Amino acid sequence: MNESPTERITELFNLTGRVAIVTGGAGLLGYHHGAILAAAGAHVVLLDLPAADPARRAAQLSETCAVECLGLPADITSEAALLEVRDRLLFRFGRIDILINNAANNPKIEDGASQAWSRLENFPLEVWDADIRVGLTGAFLCSRVFGAEMAKRKSGVILNIASDLAIIAPDQRLYRVDGLPEDQQPVKPVTYSVVKSALLGLTRYLATYWSGANVRVNAIAPGGVFNGQPQEFLNRLHQLIPLGRMARRDEYQGAILFLCSDASSYMTGANLIIDGGRTCL
């Protein structure tokens, strides 16, 4: 008997028994990425720094979705640490199916002693190095360690979380402060755009590198997420977005599930832009 359309839809999005790793998994978006995969039946593994308490967040997923999830403290810039995670997951589950490279530093303009610290002329080299190490080198190492395991099994999905700022440059007018001289105006730091743009290059490279091993590699370019930003900033930003608002933190879940499931089985090397229309202007 042929399956019904409803059964086909369920099959396409069903992740029961699959093992999904989310880096930066205890953070603002990482947890929600993991939550939709767990809701679809996946065993979700949240990797994050100890201070983020990934075990607590994974316990919340397990309770909510009735599926075993793990939260593991790990430094994704350490290949040795990632190999330990890989071996632990293979011992526990016997497989790794999905990797979401979500972890990234996102230095805030207000993090410095002066708002002008974020300007290119003043940007600290140590911050540049740290941001590249987490956002890009970490994604490379996770892809190498976990992706190679998928390639051995001839099946897997890697999803890189880029940004609309991998498509367009930051509009620095959003951050202007009235009355400050030009050389003291705060700006969006350079590393965010550089890291997110590089992730698109990594996506295309890996998509062709592992195409013969049935490991699909895609990216999404989300827009900004509302998280209590100042109203003045929101007023400026909303004018640049055709939908007139920032995203809710759960509005990327449909795309995450689509790209990590068999529903996107003929899709690789692509970047799905989800930005409220900002980059189409």
Foldseek 3Di string as FASTA:
>chain_A
DDDDPVVVVLQFLAPALAEEEFEVLLDLQNVLLQLLNLLSHYAYEYEYAVVSPQQVSQVVSCVVRVHHYGYDYADLLDLVRLLVVVVVCCVVRVAHAEYELDDFDFDDLVPDPASLCQPPVNPDPVVLVVRCSRLPSSLVSNCVNRVVRLLVVLHHEYEYEAAVLLVPPDPQVLQADPPDPPSRGHGRHPNNNVSRVVVLVVQQVVCVVSVVSQYAGEYEHEYDEDDPDDPSSLVVVLVLAPQSGHHHSNVCNVVSSCRGGNVCSVDHSYYHYHYNCNSVD
